Amino acid sequence: MAQESISVKNVKIIQEALAVYRGDNEGLCPIHLLALKGDYLDDIPVNYTNGVPSNAVKEGTEVEDIFDGTGGWLYINDIANKSACDVIPNTKGRNK
């Protein structure tokens, strides 16, 4: 339960870093989530939701295309709309 609580906080940390990045870059999202490392995040936080810690990132434009429930994060980045992006846990219990 504690690990799941940490994961909920970590997704908010990443979303806040995305918001700051967008504020610094005319509302545009980073092409890759790893672009947040350095100026916006020390490292990508860990997702514990599957019981196994992972900060792996899968990237794509549609959840359905990249979701596999293996842990870590999904970074949804709509290349056609450079101001639309989000990060969500890549967890088994998630509804696609």
PDB file of N, CA and C in Angstrom:
ATOM      1  N   MET A   1       0.822  -1.197   0.000  1.00  0.00           N
ATOM      2  CA  MET A   1       0.000   0.000   0.000  1.00  0.00           C
ATOM      3  C   MET A   1       0.869   1.266   0.000  1.00  0.00           C
ATOM      4  N   ALA A   2       1.971   1.228   0.764  1.00  0.00           N
ATOM      5  CA  ALA A   2       2.870   2.380   0.814  1.00  0.00           C
ATOM      6  C   ALA A   2       3.519   2.621  -0.546  1.00  0.00           C
ATOM      7  N   GLN A   3       3.895   1.533  -1.223  1.00  0.00           N
ATOM      8  CA  GLN A   3       4.529   1.687  -2.536  1.00  0.00           C
ATOM      9  C   GLN A   3       3.558   2.282  -3.545  1.00  0.00           C
ATOM     10  N   GLU A   4       2.302   1.873  -3.479  1.00  0.00           N
ATOM     11  CA  GLU A   4       1.305   2.432  -4.394  1.00  0.00           C
ATOM     12  C   GLU A   4       1.123   3.923  -4.128  1.00  0.00           C
ATOM     13  N   SER A   5       1.146   4.310  -2.858  1.00  0.00           N
ATOM     14  CA  SER A   5       1.037   5.723  -2.494  1.00  0.00           C
ATOM     15  C   SER A   5       2.220   6.514  -3.051  1.00  0.00           C
ATOM     16  N   ILE A   6       3.415   5.925  -2.990  1.00  0.00           N
ATOM     17  CA  ILE A   6       4.604   6.574  -3.554  1.00  0.00           C
ATOM     18  C   ILE A   6       4.434   6.745  -5.063  1.00  0.00           C
ATOM     19  N   SER A   7       3.898   5.723  -5.729  1.00  0.00           N
ATOM     20  CA  SER A   7       3.690   5.802  -7.178  1.00  0.00           C
ATOM     21  C   SER A   7       2.712   6.909  -7.541  1.00  0.00           C
ATOM     22  N   VAL A   8       1.659   7.077  -6.753  1.00  0.00           N
ATOM     23  CA  VAL A   8       0.691   8.151  -6.998  1.00  0.00           C
ATOM     24  C   VAL A   8       1.382   9.506  -6.880  1.00  0.00           C
ATOM     25  N   LYS A   9       2.233   9.658  -5.862  1.00  0.00           N
ATOM     26  CA  LYS A   9       2.985  10.908  -5.702  1.00  0.00           C
ATOM     27  C   LYS A   9       3.968  11.103  -6.856  1.00  0.00           C
ATOM     28  N   ASN A  10       4.601  10.015  -7.282  1.00  0.00           N
ATOM     29  CA  ASN A  10       5.601  10.130  -8.350  1.00  0.00           C
ATOM     30  C   ASN A  10       4.986  10.531  -9.677  1.00  0.00           C
ATOM     31  N   VAL A  11       3.790  10.040  -9.982  1.00  0.00           N
ATOM     32  CA  VAL A  11       3.161  10.468 -11.234  1.00  0.00           C
ATOM     33  C   VAL A  11       2.855  11.965 -11.174  1.00  0.00           C
ATOM     34  N   LYS A  12       2.478  12.461 -10.001  1.00  0.00           N
ATOM     35  CA  LYS A  12       2.216  13.895  -9.853  1.00  0.00           C
ATOM     36  C   LYS A  12       3.505  14.701 -10.010  1.00  0.00           C
ATOM     37  N   ILE A  13       4.614  14.163  -9.493  1.00  0.00           N
ATOM     38  CA  ILE A  13       5.908  14.831  -9.644  1.00  0.00           C
ATOM     39  C   ILE A  13       6.263  14.963 -11.125  1.00  0.00           C
ATOM     40  N   ILE A  14       6.059  13.883 -11.880  1.00  0.00           N
ATOM     41  CA  ILE A  14       6.366  13.931 -13.312  1.00  0.00           C
ATOM     42  C   ILE A  14       5.433  14.905 -14.034  1.00  0.00           C
ATOM     43  N   GLN A  15       4.149  14.867 -13.695  1.00  0.00           N
ATOM     44  CA  GLN A  15       3.193  15.771 -14.336  1.00  0.00           C
ATOM     45  C   GLN A  15       3.521  17.230 -14.021  1.00  0.00           C
ATOM     46  N   GLU A  16       3.964  17.504 -12.797  1.00  0.00           N
ATOM     47  CA  GLU A  16       4.363  18.871 -12.447  1.00  0.00           C
ATOM     48  C   GLU A  16       5.606  19.290 -13.235  1.00  0.00           C
ATOM     49  N   ALA A  17       6.560  18.377 -13.386  1.00  0.00           N
ATOM     50  CA  ALA A  17       7.758  18.684 -14.177  1.00  0.00           C
ATOM     51  C   ALA A  17       7.381  18.960 -15.636  1.00  0.00           C
ATOM     52  N   LEU A  18       6.426  18.196 -16.164  1.00  0.00           N
ATOM     53  CA  LEU A  18       5.942  18.455 -17.529  1.00  0.00           C
ATOM     54  C   LEU A  18       5.329  19.851 -17.623  1.00  0.00           C
ATOM     55  N   ALA A  19       4.559  20.238 -16.614  1.00  0.00           N
ATOM     56  CA  ALA A  19       3.921  21.558 -16.616  1.00  0.00           C
ATOM     57  C   ALA A  19       4.967  22.667 -16.591  1.00  0.00           C
ATOM     58  N   VAL A  20       6.010  22.507 -15.782  1.00  0.00           N
ATOM     59  CA  VAL A  20       7.074  23.512 -15.719  1.00  0.00           C
ATOM     60  C   VAL A  20       7.825  23.563 -17.051  1.00  0.00           C
ATOM     61  N   TYR A  21       8.128  22.394 -17.604  1.00  0.00           N
ATOM     62  CA  TYR A  21       8.800  22.334 -18.908  1.00  0.00           C
ATOM     63  C   TYR A  21       7.970  23.087 -19.952  1.00  0.00           C
ATOM     64  N   ARG A  22       6.681  22.802 -19.974  1.00  0.00           N
ATOM     65  CA  ARG A  22       5.816  23.460 -20.951  1.00  0.00           C
ATOM     66  C   ARG A  22       5.780  24.962 -20.736  1.00  0.00           C
ATOM     67  N   GLY A  23       5.795  25.384 -19.462  1.00  0.00           N
ATOM     68  CA  GLY A  23       5.826  26.812 -19.162  1.00  0.00           C
ATOM     69  C   GLY A  23       7.096  27.479 -19.666  1.00  0.00           C
ATOM     70  N   ASP A  24       8.186  26.750 -19.642  1.00  0.00           N
ATOM     71  CA  ASP A  24       9.468  27.270 -20.116  1.00  0.00           C
ATOM     72  C   ASP A  24       9.633  27.169 -21.631  1.00  0.00           C
ATOM     73  N   ASN A  25       8.746  26.436 -22.294  1.00  0.00           N
ATOM     74  CA  ASN A  25       8.912  26.153 -23.724  1.00  0.00           C
ATOM     75  C   ASN A  25       7.659  26.464 -24.535  1.00  0.00           C
ATOM     76  N   GLU A  26       7.054  27.616 -24.253  1.00  0.00           N
ATOM     77  CA  GLU A  26       5.911  28.116 -25.014  1.00  0.00           C
ATOM     78  C   GLU A  26       4.766  27.122 -25.112  1.00  0.00           C
ATOM     79  N   GLY A  27       4.573  26.321 -24.054  1.00  0.00           N
ATOM     80  CA  GLY A  27       3.462  25.376 -24.008  1.00  0.00           C
ATOM     81  C   GLY A  27       3.722  24.053 -24.701  1.00  0.00           C
ATOM     82  N   LEU A  28       4.912  23.880 -25.268  1.00  0.00           N
ATOM     83  CA  LEU A  28       5.222  22.646 -25.994  1.00  0.00           C
ATOM     84  C   LEU A  28       5.712  21.556 -25.052  1.00  0.00           C
ATOM     85  N   CYS A  29       5.354  20.322 -25.364  1.00  0.00           N
ATOM     86  CA  CYS A  29       5.778  19.161 -24.594  1.00  0.00           C
ATOM     87  C   CYS A  29       7.149  18.687 -25.075  1.00  0.00           C
ATOM     88  N   PRO A  30       7.898  18.042 -24.177  1.00  0.00           N
ATOM     89  CA  PRO A  30       9.146  17.440 -24.657  1.00  0.00           C
ATOM     90  C   PRO A  30       8.834  16.267 -25.583  1.00  0.00           C
ATOM     91  N   ILE A  31       9.679  16.050 -26.566  1.00  0.00           N
ATOM     92  CA  ILE A  31       9.464  14.914 -27.467  1.00  0.00           C
ATOM     93  C   ILE A  31       9.593  13.608 -26.704  1.00  0.00           C
ATOM     94  N   HIS A  32      10.577  13.554 -25.788  1.00  0.00           N
ATOM     95  CA  HIS A  32      10.802  12.365 -24.979  1.00  0.00           C
ATOM     96  C   HIS A  32      10.727  12.744 -23.505  1.00  0.00           C
ATOM     97  N   LEU A  33      10.162  11.882 -22.691  1.00  0.00           N
ATOM     98  CA  LEU A  33      10.044  12.145 -21.267  1.00  0.00           C
ATOM     99  C   LEU A  33      11.420  12.315 -20.619  1.00  0.00           C
ATOM    100  N   LEU A  34      12.416  11.606 -21.126  1.00  0.00           N
ATOM    101  CA  LEU A  34      13.766  11.708 -20.558  1.00  0.00           C
ATOM    102  C   LEU A  34      14.359  13.106 -20.711  1.00  0.00           C
ATOM    103  N   ALA A  35      13.752  13.948 -21.538  1.00  0.00           N
ATOM    104  CA  ALA A  35      14.212  15.337 -21.679  1.00  0.00           C
ATOM    105  C   ALA A  35      14.012  16.127 -20.386  1.00  0.00           C
ATOM    106  N   LEU A  36      13.200  15.597 -19.477  1.00  0.00           N
ATOM    107  CA  LEU A  36      12.981  16.276 -18.198  1.00  0.00           C
ATOM    108  C   LEU A  36      14.161  16.099 -17.243  1.00  0.00           C
ATOM    109  N   LYS A  37      14.956  15.052 -17.484  1.00  0.00           N
ATOM    110  CA  LYS A  37      16.101  14.802 -16.602  1.00  0.00           C
ATOM    111  C   LYS A  37      17.107  15.937 -16.713  1.00  0.00           C
ATOM    112  N   GLY A  38      17.575  16.357 -15.576  1.00  0.00           N
ATOM    113  CA  GLY A  38      18.548  17.454 -15.545  1.00  0.00           C
ATOM    114  C   GLY A  38      17.906  18.713 -15.004  1.00  0.00           C
ATOM    115  N   ASP A  39      17.262  19.475 -15.865  1.00  0.00           N
ATOM    116  CA  ASP A  39      16.682  20.753 -15.449  1.00  0.00           C
ATOM    117  C   ASP A  39      15.365  20.607 -14.680  1.00  0.00           C
ATOM    118  N   TYR A  40      14.613  19.541 -14.925  1.00  0.00           N
ATOM    119  CA  TYR A  40      13.272  19.434 -14.345  1.00  0.00           C
ATOM    120  C   TYR A  40      13.123  18.277 -13.353  1.00  0.00           C
ATOM    121  N   LEU A  41      13.886  17.237 -13.531  1.00  0.00           N
ATOM    122  CA  LEU A  41      13.893  16.083 -12.633  1.00  0.00           C
ATOM    123  C   LEU A  41      15.329  15.574 -12.502  1.00  0.00           C
ATOM    124  N   ASP A  42      15.700  15.139 -11.303  1.00  0.00           N
ATOM    125  CA  ASP A  42      17.013  14.498 -11.151  1.00  0.00           C
ATOM    126  C   ASP A  42      17.036  13.187 -11.928  1.00  0.00           C
ATOM    127  N   ASP A  43      15.946  12.454 -11.845  1.00  0.00           N
ATOM    128  CA  ASP A  43      15.786  11.190 -12.557  1.00  0.00           C
ATOM    129  C   ASP A  43      14.289  10.934 -12.689  1.00  0.00           C
ATOM    130  N   ILE A  44      13.909  10.035 -13.557  1.00  0.00           N
ATOM    131  CA  ILE A  44      12.502   9.652 -13.662  1.00  0.00           C
ATOM    132  C   ILE A  44      12.146   8.861 -12.403  1.00  0.00           C
ATOM    133  N   PRO A  45      11.132   9.293 -11.646  1.00  0.00           N
ATOM    134  CA  PRO A  45      10.764   8.575 -10.428  1.00  0.00           C
ATOM    135  C   PRO A  45      10.299   7.144 -10.714  1.00  0.00           C
ATOM    136  N   VAL A  46      10.313   6.343  -9.685  1.00  0.00           N
ATOM    137  CA  VAL A  46       9.963   4.928  -9.796  1.00  0.00           C
ATOM    138  C   VAL A  46       8.459   4.733  -9.669  1.00  0.00           C
ATOM    139  N   ASN A  47       7.932   3.799 -10.444  1.00  0.00           N
ATOM    140  CA  ASN A  47       6.545   3.343 -10.319  1.00  0.00           C
ATOM    141  C   ASN A  47       6.596   1.967  -9.656  1.00  0.00           C
ATOM    142  N   TYR A  48       5.976   1.844  -8.480  1.00  0.00           N
ATOM    143  CA  TYR A  48       5.945   0.591  -7.724  1.00  0.00           C
ATOM    144  C   TYR A  48       4.633  -0.156  -7.889  1.00  0.00           C
ATOM    145  N   THR A  49       3.734   0.329  -8.692  1.00  0.00           N
ATOM    146  CA  THR A  49       2.370  -0.171  -8.703  1.00  0.00           C
ATOM    147  C   THR A  49       2.262  -1.669  -8.946  1.00  0.00           C
ATOM    148  N   ASN A  50       3.113  -2.259  -9.732  1.00  0.00           N
ATOM    149  CA  ASN A  50       3.063  -3.709  -9.972  1.00  0.00           C
ATOM    150  C   ASN A  50       3.850  -4.496  -8.925  1.00  0.00           C
ATOM    151  N   GLY A  51       4.355  -3.814  -7.899  1.00  0.00           N
ATOM    152  CA  GLY A  51       5.135  -4.488  -6.879  1.00  0.00           C
ATOM    153  C   GLY A  51       6.604  -4.597  -7.221  1.00  0.00           C
ATOM    154  N   VAL A  52       6.961  -4.236  -8.422  1.00  0.00           N
ATOM    155  CA  VAL A  52       8.358  -4.258  -8.855  1.00  0.00           C
ATOM    156  C   VAL A  52       8.731  -2.829  -9.239  1.00  0.00           C
ATOM    157  N   PRO A  53       9.728  -2.256  -8.591  1.00  0.00           N
ATOM    158  CA  PRO A  53      10.077  -0.874  -8.921  1.00  0.00           C
ATOM    159  C   PRO A  53      10.628  -0.749 -10.344  1.00  0.00           C
ATOM    160  N   SER A  54      10.116   0.240 -11.057  1.00  0.00           N
ATOM    161  CA  SER A  54      10.579   0.470 -12.413  1.00  0.00           C
ATOM    162  C   SER A  54      10.416   1.939 -12.772  1.00  0.00           C
ATOM    163  N   ASN A  55      11.425   2.491 -13.397  1.00  0.00           N
ATOM    164  CA  ASN A  55      11.283   3.837 -13.949  1.00  0.00           C
ATOM    165  C   ASN A  55      11.436   3.810 -15.471  1.00  0.00           C
ATOM    166  N   ALA A  56      11.182   2.635 -16.048  1.00  0.00           N
ATOM    167  CA  ALA A  56      11.221   2.496 -17.505  1.00  0.00           C
ATOM    168  C   ALA A  56      10.111   3.342 -18.122  1.00  0.00           C
ATOM    169  N   VAL A  57      10.381   3.853 -19.303  1.00  0.00           N
ATOM    170  CA  VAL A  57       9.404   4.697 -19.999  1.00  0.00           C
ATOM    171  C   VAL A  57       9.137   4.106 -21.377  1.00  0.00           C
ATOM    172  N   LYS A  58       7.856   3.918 -21.687  1.00  0.00           N
ATOM    173  CA  LYS A  58       7.428   3.565 -23.050  1.00  0.00           C
ATOM    174  C   LYS A  58       6.734   4.798 -23.604  1.00  0.00           C
ATOM    175  N   GLU A  59       7.035   5.135 -24.836  1.00  0.00           N
ATOM    176  CA  GLU A  59       6.498   6.354 -25.426  1.00  0.00           C
ATOM    177  C   GLU A  59       5.685   6.057 -26.671  1.00  0.00           C
ATOM    178  N   GLY A  60       4.667   6.867 -26.879  1.00  0.00           N
ATOM    179  CA  GLY A  60       3.841   6.743 -28.065  1.00  0.00           C
ATOM    180  C   GLY A  60       2.745   7.785 -28.089  1.00  0.00           C
ATOM    181  N   THR A  61       1.920   7.727 -29.114  1.00  0.00           N
ATOM    182  CA  THR A  61       0.843   8.710 -29.251  1.00  0.00           C
ATOM    183  C   THR A  61      -0.493   8.191 -28.730  1.00  0.00           C
ATOM    184  N   GLU A  62      -0.611   6.880 -28.566  1.00  0.00           N
ATOM    185  CA  GLU A  62      -1.856   6.273 -28.082  1.00  0.00           C
ATOM    186  C   GLU A  62      -1.536   5.237 -27.014  1.00  0.00           C
ATOM    187  N   VAL A  63      -2.280   5.275 -25.904  1.00  0.00           N
ATOM    188  CA  VAL A  63      -2.088   4.300 -24.823  1.00  0.00           C
ATOM    189  C   VAL A  63      -2.194   2.883 -25.366  1.00  0.00           C
ATOM    190  N   GLU A  64      -3.172   2.641 -26.209  1.00  0.00           N
ATOM    191  CA  GLU A  64      -3.420   1.298 -26.729  1.00  0.00           C
ATOM    192  C   GLU A  64      -2.225   0.736 -27.493  1.00  0.00           C
ATOM    193  N   ASP A  65      -1.427   1.613 -28.063  1.00  0.00           N
ATOM    194  CA  ASP A  65      -0.279   1.171 -28.853  1.00  0.00           C
ATOM    195  C   ASP A  65       0.920   0.771 -28.004  1.00  0.00           C
ATOM    196  N   ILE A  66       1.029   1.315 -26.795  1.00  0.00           N
ATOM    197  CA  ILE A  66       2.243   1.070 -26.001  1.00  0.00           C
ATOM    198  C   ILE A  66       1.994   0.378 -24.669  1.00  0.00           C
ATOM    199  N   PHE A  67       0.751   0.322 -24.211  1.00  0.00           N
ATOM    200  CA  PHE A  67       0.457  -0.302 -22.919  1.00  0.00           C
ATOM    201  C   PHE A  67       0.747  -1.797 -22.962  1.00  0.00           C
ATOM    202  N   ASP A  68       1.506  -2.281 -21.961  1.00  0.00           N
ATOM    203  CA  ASP A  68       1.711  -3.720 -21.842  1.00  0.00           C
ATOM    204  C   ASP A  68       1.673  -4.197 -20.391  1.00  0.00           C
ATOM    205  N   GLY A  69       1.462  -3.279 -19.445  1.00  0.00           N
ATOM    206  CA  GLY A  69       1.320  -3.646 -18.048  1.00  0.00           C
ATOM    207  C   GLY A  69       2.587  -4.116 -17.363  1.00  0.00           C
ATOM    208  N   THR A  70       3.748  -3.847 -17.950  1.00  0.00           N
ATOM    209  CA  THR A  70       4.995  -4.363 -17.383  1.00  0.00           C
ATOM    210  C   THR A  70       5.617  -3.449 -16.333  1.00  0.00           C
ATOM    211  N   GLY A  71       4.983  -2.347 -16.013  1.00  0.00           N
ATOM    212  CA  GLY A  71       5.511  -1.423 -15.017  1.00  0.00           C
ATOM    213  C   GLY A  71       6.146  -0.213 -15.661  1.00  0.00           C
ATOM    214  N   GLY A  72       6.632   0.663 -14.822  1.00  0.00           N
ATOM    215  CA  GLY A  72       7.194   1.908 -15.316  1.00  0.00           C
ATOM    216  C   GLY A  72       6.089   2.868 -15.735  1.00  0.00           C
ATOM    217  N   TRP A  73       6.400   3.664 -16.726  1.00  0.00           N
ATOM    218  CA  TRP A  73       5.494   4.739 -17.142  1.00  0.00           C
ATOM    219  C   TRP A  73       5.199   4.690 -18.635  1.00  0.00           C
ATOM    220  N   LEU A  74       4.041   5.231 -18.986  1.00  0.00           N
ATOM    221  CA  LEU A  74       3.684   5.472 -20.382  1.00  0.00           C
ATOM    222  C   LEU A  74       3.703   6.981 -20.593  1.00  0.00           C
ATOM    223  N   TYR A  75       4.447   7.426 -21.567  1.00  0.00           N
ATOM    224  CA  TYR A  75       4.462   8.839 -21.925  1.00  0.00           C
ATOM    225  C   TYR A  75       3.705   8.991 -23.226  1.00  0.00           C
ATOM    226  N   ILE A  76       2.568   9.624 -23.135  1.00  0.00           N
ATOM    227  CA  ILE A  76       1.702   9.843 -24.292  1.00  0.00           C
ATOM    228  C   ILE A  76       2.011  11.233 -24.830  1.00  0.00           C
ATOM    229  N   ASN A  77       2.519  11.280 -26.043  1.00  0.00           N
ATOM    230  CA  ASN A  77       2.938  12.537 -26.642  1.00  0.00           C
ATOM    231  C   ASN A  77       2.403  12.592 -28.063  1.00  0.00           C
ATOM    232  N   ASP A  78       1.452  13.461 -28.276  1.00  0.00           N
ATOM    233  CA  ASP A  78       0.841  13.613 -29.590  1.00  0.00           C
ATOM    234  C   ASP A  78       1.704  14.536 -30.440  1.00  0.00           C
ATOM    235  N   ILE A  79       2.502  13.953 -31.306  1.00  0.00           N
ATOM    236  CA  ILE A  79       3.428  14.721 -32.135  1.00  0.00           C
ATOM    237  C   ILE A  79       2.681  15.753 -32.996  1.00  0.00           C
ATOM    238  N   ALA A  80       1.464  15.424 -33.411  1.00  0.00           N
ATOM    239  CA  ALA A  80       0.683  16.350 -34.233  1.00  0.00           C
ATOM    240  C   ALA A  80       0.222  17.565 -33.428  1.00  0.00           C
ATOM    241  N   ASN A  81       0.027  17.381 -32.115  1.00  0.00           N
ATOM    242  CA  ASN A  81      -0.386  18.464 -31.232  1.00  0.00           C
ATOM    243  C   ASN A  81       0.700  18.597 -30.166  1.00  0.00           C
ATOM    244  N   LYS A  82       1.695  19.398 -30.419  1.00  0.00           N
ATOM    245  CA  LYS A  82       2.889  19.464 -29.575  1.00  0.00           C
ATOM    246  C   LYS A  82       2.627  20.008 -28.173  1.00  0.00           C
ATOM    247  N   SER A  83       1.381  20.382 -27.880  1.00  0.00           N
ATOM    248  CA  SER A  83       1.055  20.838 -26.527  1.00  0.00           C
ATOM    249  C   SER A  83       0.205  19.802 -25.784  1.00  0.00           C
ATOM    250  N   ALA A  84       0.094  18.596 -26.326  1.00  0.00           N
ATOM    251  CA  ALA A  84      -0.703  17.542 -25.680  1.00  0.00           C
ATOM    252  C   ALA A  84       0.215  16.394 -25.272  1.00  0.00           C
ATOM    253  N   CYS A  85       0.382  16.209 -23.959  1.00  0.00           N
ATOM    254  CA  CYS A  85       1.196  15.111 -23.460  1.00  0.00           C
ATOM    255  C   CYS A  85       0.735  14.763 -22.048  1.00  0.00           C
ATOM    256  N   ASP A  86       1.032  13.537 -21.628  1.00  0.00           N
ATOM    257  CA  ASP A  86       0.695  13.095 -20.283  1.00  0.00           C
ATOM    258  C   ASP A  86       1.532  11.877 -19.960  1.00  0.00           C
ATOM    259  N   VAL A  87       1.638  11.574 -18.691  1.00  0.00           N
ATOM    260  CA  VAL A  87       2.325  10.376 -18.237  1.00  0.00           C
ATOM    261  C   VAL A  87       1.370   9.611 -17.326  1.00  0.00           C
ATOM    262  N   ILE A  88       1.330   8.291 -17.502  1.00  0.00           N
ATOM    263  CA  ILE A  88       0.474   7.439 -16.674  1.00  0.00           C
ATOM    264  C   ILE A  88       1.228   6.157 -16.347  1.00  0.00           C
ATOM    265  N   PRO A  89       0.853   5.508 -15.230  1.00  0.00           N
ATOM    266  CA  PRO A  89       1.509   4.239 -14.887  1.00  0.00           C
ATOM    267  C   PRO A  89       1.194   3.151 -15.914  1.00  0.00           C
ATOM    268  N   ASN A  90       2.168   2.324 -16.207  1.00  0.00           N
ATOM    269  CA  ASN A  90       2.014   1.178 -17.114  1.00  0.00           C
ATOM    270  C   ASN A  90       1.777  -0.050 -16.223  1.00  0.00           C
ATOM    271  N   THR A  91       0.562  -0.164 -15.713  1.00  0.00           N
ATOM    272  CA  THR A  91       0.281  -1.188 -14.706  1.00  0.00           C
ATOM    273  C   THR A  91      -0.762  -2.190 -15.174  1.00  0.00           C
ATOM    274  N   LYS A  92      -0.654  -3.405 -14.647  1.00  0.00           N
ATOM    275  CA  LYS A  92      -1.545  -4.497 -15.034  1.00  0.00           C
ATOM    276  C   LYS A  92      -3.009  -4.189 -14.770  1.00  0.00           C
ATOM    277  N   GLY A  93      -3.317  -3.512 -13.688  1.00  0.00           N
ATOM    278  CA  GLY A  93      -4.707  -3.257 -13.330  1.00  0.00           C
ATOM    279  C   GLY A  93      -5.355  -2.118 -14.070  1.00  0.00           C
ATOM    280  N   ARG A  94      -4.627  -1.489 -14.951  1.00  0.00           N
ATOM    281  CA  ARG A  94      -5.125  -0.329 -15.675  1.00  0.00           C
ATOM    282  C   ARG A  94      -6.046  -0.766 -16.811  1.00  0.00           C
ATOM    283  N   ASN A  95      -7.131  -0.032 -16.963  1.00  0.00           N
ATOM    284  CA  ASN A  95      -8.033  -0.288 -18.095  1.00  0.00           C
ATOM    285  C   ASN A  95      -7.508   0.428 -19.321  1.00  0.00           C
ATOM    286  N   LYS A  96      -7.424  -0.290 -20.422  1.00  0.00           N
ATOM    287  CA  LYS A  96      -6.958   0.346 -21.668  1.00  0.00           C
ATOM    288  C   LYS A  96      -8.042   1.191 -22.262  1.00  0.00           C
TER     289      LYS A  96
END
